[in-house]
Amino acid sequence: MNRKRNSEQPEDQIKLPSLEQIEEALKKEQYRNSYGKVLKSTIFSLIVVAAAAVLVAVLILPVLQISGESMTDTLRDGDIVIAVNRSKFETGDVIAFYYNNNILVKRVIAYAGDWVDIDENGNVYVNGERLDEPYISDKALGECNIDLPYQVPDGRCFVMGDHRATSIDSRNTAVGCVGSEVVVGKILFRVWPLSELGAVK
């Protein structure tokens, strides 16, 4: 009899969880599952937004930092600008393009078939007509080693920096004329420094 009583005794000590404890444990598990789903969804959304921002910045609205003084006074070293990716430009547009793994920023002066001439005082003529260039403070012939007058080749545009004395551009065979395949985009807007926030003209 004692032996039987002893064998039954452990069963009497087993306590089942109460209904409240079961509900509490279920709530905790549901919270963990819900938190995990929300966290995964949030991370996925952030990744998608970041990827979209990168695509926009690279393909549609590139953000560039100006390096050098070849575009002063229009743009200065350290300025941050936004460009728009497009294939057609007008005379006077400021564009960015790839050159030897760098990005240069210059102003469009003439197009394929146009004749460009520059006199000793730095006045620029396109097809015999002198350009009105209010964005230039100091004119100069600059680093020019091409034969003038010069006809712009097919599929190219003739570009010049606004700081004519120091800019290396289409006046020099080191850079030459620019093809559309290397153009990053048209510079539209300066976002830094904030004191000069606004459109680039």
Protein backbone atom coordinates (compact mmCIF):
# COMPACT_ATOMS: atom_id res chain seq x y z
CA MET A 1 0.00 0.00 0.00
CA ASN A 2 2.79 2.44 0.85
CA ARG A 3 4.53 1.65 -2.41
CA LYS A 4 1.39 2.39 -4.40
CA ARG A 5 0.78 5.63 -2.54
CA ASN A 6 4.31 6.77 -3.25
CA SER A 7 3.95 6.11 -6.99
CA GLU A 8 0.79 8.16 -7.18
CA GLN A 9 2.19 11.08 -5.21
CA PRO A 10 4.10 12.82 -8.13
CA GLU A 11 0.92 12.90 -10.19
CA ASP A 12 -0.82 14.80 -7.40
CA GLN A 13 1.95 17.45 -7.51
CA ILE A 14 1.56 18.29 -11.27
CA LYS A 15 -0.14 21.68 -11.66
CA LEU A 16 -1.73 22.72 -14.94
CA PRO A 17 -1.49 26.42 -15.95
CA SER A 18 -4.52 28.49 -15.31
CA LEU A 19 -6.64 29.95 -18.10
CA GLU A 20 -5.24 33.41 -17.35
CA GLN A 21 -1.67 32.16 -17.69
CA ILE A 22 -2.48 30.49 -21.01
CA GLU A 23 -4.09 33.69 -22.31
CA GLU A 24 -1.11 35.77 -21.16
CA ALA A 25 1.36 33.43 -22.87
CA LEU A 26 -0.75 33.50 -26.04
CA LYS A 27 -0.81 37.31 -26.03
CA LYS A 28 2.99 37.44 -25.68
CA GLU A 29 3.44 35.04 -28.57
CA GLN A 30 1.02 36.99 -30.75
CA TYR A 31 2.85 40.21 -29.88
CA ARG A 32 6.20 38.68 -30.81
CA ASN A 33 4.81 37.46 -34.13
CA SER A 34 3.16 40.81 -34.85
CA TYR A 35 6.31 42.77 -33.91
CA GLY A 36 8.43 40.56 -36.16
CA LYS A 37 6.11 41.10 -39.11
CA VAL A 38 6.02 44.88 -38.59
CA LEU A 39 9.82 45.00 -38.27
CA LYS A 40 10.33 42.99 -41.47
CA SER A 41 7.81 45.15 -43.31
CA THR A 42 9.48 48.35 -42.10
CA ILE A 43 12.95 47.17 -43.11
CA PHE A 44 11.69 46.10 -46.54
CA SER A 45 9.99 49.48 -47.05
CA LEU A 46 13.17 51.34 -46.07
CA ILE A 47 15.21 49.26 -48.52
CA VAL A 48 12.74 49.95 -51.33
CA VAL A 49 12.71 53.69 -50.58
CA ALA A 50 16.51 53.81 -50.42
CA ALA A 51 16.85 51.92 -53.71
CA ALA A 52 14.34 54.24 -55.38
CA ALA A 53 16.21 57.29 -54.06
CA VAL A 54 19.49 55.95 -55.43
CA LEU A 55 17.93 55.29 -58.85
CA VAL A 56 16.43 58.78 -58.96
CA ALA A 57 19.73 60.36 -57.89
CA VAL A 58 21.75 58.42 -60.45
CA LEU A 59 19.41 58.20 -63.42
CA ILE A 60 16.97 61.11 -63.23
CA LEU A 61 18.20 63.86 -60.90
CA PRO A 62 21.93 63.44 -60.28
CA VAL A 63 23.33 65.45 -57.35
CA LEU A 64 26.82 66.81 -58.06
CA GLN A 65 29.46 68.78 -56.18
CA ILE A 66 31.37 71.37 -58.17
CA SER A 67 35.13 70.98 -58.11
CA GLY A 68 37.41 73.72 -59.39
CA GLU A 69 36.94 77.29 -60.57
CA SER A 70 36.26 76.86 -64.29
CA MET A 71 32.59 77.94 -63.94
CA THR A 72 32.99 80.98 -61.69
CA ASP A 73 31.15 83.27 -61.19
CA THR A 74 28.15 81.07 -62.07
CA LEU A 75 29.27 78.12 -59.94
CA ARG A 76 32.06 77.91 -57.39
CA ASP A 77 34.20 75.18 -55.92
CA GLY A 78 32.20 73.22 -53.35
CA ASP A 79 28.74 74.17 -54.64
CA ILE A 80 26.23 71.31 -54.67
CA VAL A 81 23.86 71.22 -57.63
CA ILE A 82 21.06 69.08 -59.04
CA ALA A 83 21.01 68.05 -62.69
CA VAL A 84 18.23 66.60 -64.80
CA ASN A 85 18.96 63.79 -67.22
CA ARG A 86 17.93 64.83 -70.71
CA SER A 87 19.29 64.45 -74.23
CA LYS A 88 18.45 67.86 -75.74
CA PHE A 89 20.02 71.13 -74.69
CA GLU A 90 19.86 74.76 -75.73
CA THR A 91 22.68 77.22 -76.27
CA GLY A 92 23.57 78.68 -72.87
CA ASP A 93 22.57 75.58 -70.86
CA VAL A 94 25.05 74.44 -68.21
CA ILE A 95 25.69 70.71 -68.51
CA ALA A 96 27.71 68.04 -66.70
CA PHE A 97 29.53 65.31 -68.63
CA TYR A 98 32.00 62.50 -68.06
CA TYR A 99 35.63 63.05 -68.96
CA ASN A 100 38.41 60.62 -68.01
CA ASN A 101 36.45 59.19 -65.04
CA ASN A 102 35.67 62.71 -63.84
CA ILE A 103 32.61 64.91 -64.25
CA LEU A 104 33.13 68.31 -65.84
CA VAL A 105 30.62 71.17 -65.85
CA LYS A 106 30.58 73.60 -68.80
CA ARG A 107 28.20 75.77 -70.80
CA VAL A 108 26.83 74.81 -74.22
CA ILE A 109 28.00 77.29 -76.86
CA ALA A 110 27.27 75.67 -80.23
CA TYR A 111 26.02 72.48 -81.91
CA ALA A 112 26.99 70.13 -84.71
CA GLY A 113 27.62 72.03 -87.95
CA ASP A 114 27.93 75.43 -86.26
CA TRP A 115 31.01 77.55 -86.84
CA VAL A 116 32.67 78.91 -83.69
CA ASP A 117 35.13 81.77 -83.69
CA ILE A 118 36.80 83.61 -80.79
CA ASP A 119 38.74 86.85 -81.13
CA GLU A 120 41.78 87.93 -79.12
CA ASN A 121 39.58 89.75 -76.62
CA GLY A 122 37.59 86.60 -75.89
CA ASN A 123 34.42 87.56 -77.76
CA VAL A 124 32.67 84.41 -79.03
CA TYR A 125 30.96 84.22 -82.42
CA VAL A 126 28.67 81.42 -83.62
CA ASN A 127 27.94 81.35 -87.34
CA GLY A 128 29.25 84.90 -87.60
CA GLU A 129 27.06 86.34 -84.82
CA ARG A 130 28.58 87.56 -81.59
CA LEU A 131 27.12 85.85 -78.52
CA ASP A 132 25.59 87.92 -75.75
CA GLU A 133 27.09 86.36 -72.62
CA PRO A 134 25.90 88.15 -69.47
CA TYR A 135 27.21 85.26 -67.35
CA ILE A 136 30.83 86.15 -68.23
CA SER A 137 32.67 88.67 -66.04
CA ASP A 138 36.11 88.39 -67.68
CA LYS A 139 36.48 87.36 -71.31
CA ALA A 140 39.62 85.64 -72.57
CA LEU A 141 40.78 83.51 -75.47
CA GLY A 142 42.08 81.05 -72.87
CA GLU A 143 43.69 77.66 -73.49
CA CYS A 144 42.83 77.48 -77.19
CA ASN A 145 44.80 75.20 -79.52
CA ILE A 146 42.16 74.56 -82.20
CA ASP A 147 42.12 76.27 -85.58
CA LEU A 148 39.58 79.08 -85.65
CA PRO A 149 36.99 79.43 -86.99
CA TYR A 150 36.10 75.88 -85.95
CA GLN A 151 33.19 73.76 -87.16
CA VAL A 152 31.55 71.55 -84.54
CA PRO A 153 31.62 67.87 -85.63
CA ASP A 154 28.46 65.80 -86.15
CA GLY A 155 26.88 64.47 -82.96
CA ARG A 156 28.84 66.88 -80.75
CA CYS A 157 28.37 70.19 -78.96
CA PHE A 158 30.94 72.89 -78.26
CA VAL A 159 31.24 73.77 -74.56
CA MET A 160 33.13 76.41 -72.58
CA GLY A 161 33.59 77.25 -68.93
CA ASP A 162 32.43 80.64 -67.67
CA HIS A 163 35.88 81.43 -66.25
CA ARG A 164 37.39 81.66 -69.70
CA ALA A 165 41.00 82.35 -68.66
CA THR A 166 41.40 79.06 -66.75
CA SER A 167 38.78 76.69 -68.15
CA ILE A 168 39.98 73.77 -70.26
CA ASP A 169 37.10 72.99 -72.61
CA SER A 170 36.23 72.56 -76.30
CA ARG A 171 38.77 75.25 -77.19
CA ASN A 172 41.42 72.67 -76.37
CA THR A 173 41.86 69.28 -78.02
CA ALA A 174 42.50 67.77 -74.57
CA VAL A 175 38.74 67.95 -73.97
CA GLY A 176 37.25 68.63 -77.37
CA CYS A 177 33.57 68.67 -78.19
CA VAL A 178 31.08 66.67 -76.14
CA GLY A 179 28.88 63.81 -77.35
CA SER A 180 25.44 63.10 -75.89
CA GLU A 181 26.57 59.65 -74.76
CA VAL A 182 28.78 61.16 -72.03
CA VAL A 183 26.37 63.85 -70.81
CA VAL A 184 25.15 63.41 -67.23
CA GLY A 185 22.50 66.10 -67.48
CA LYS A 186 21.61 69.77 -67.43
CA ILE A 187 22.42 71.66 -64.23
CA LEU A 188 19.15 73.11 -62.98
CA PHE A 189 19.40 74.05 -59.33
CA ARG A 190 21.99 74.92 -56.69
CA VAL A 191 21.16 73.54 -53.23
CA TRP A 192 24.37 74.51 -51.43
CA PRO A 193 25.41 76.92 -50.08
CA LEU A 194 21.98 77.86 -48.78
CA SER A 195 22.79 81.54 -49.20
CA GLU A 196 22.82 80.98 -52.99
CA LEU A 197 19.98 78.47 -53.20
CA GLY A 198 18.21 78.79 -56.54
CA ALA A 199 18.13 78.07 -60.26
CA VAL A 200 21.36 77.96 -62.25
CA LYS A 201 21.28 80.24 -65.29
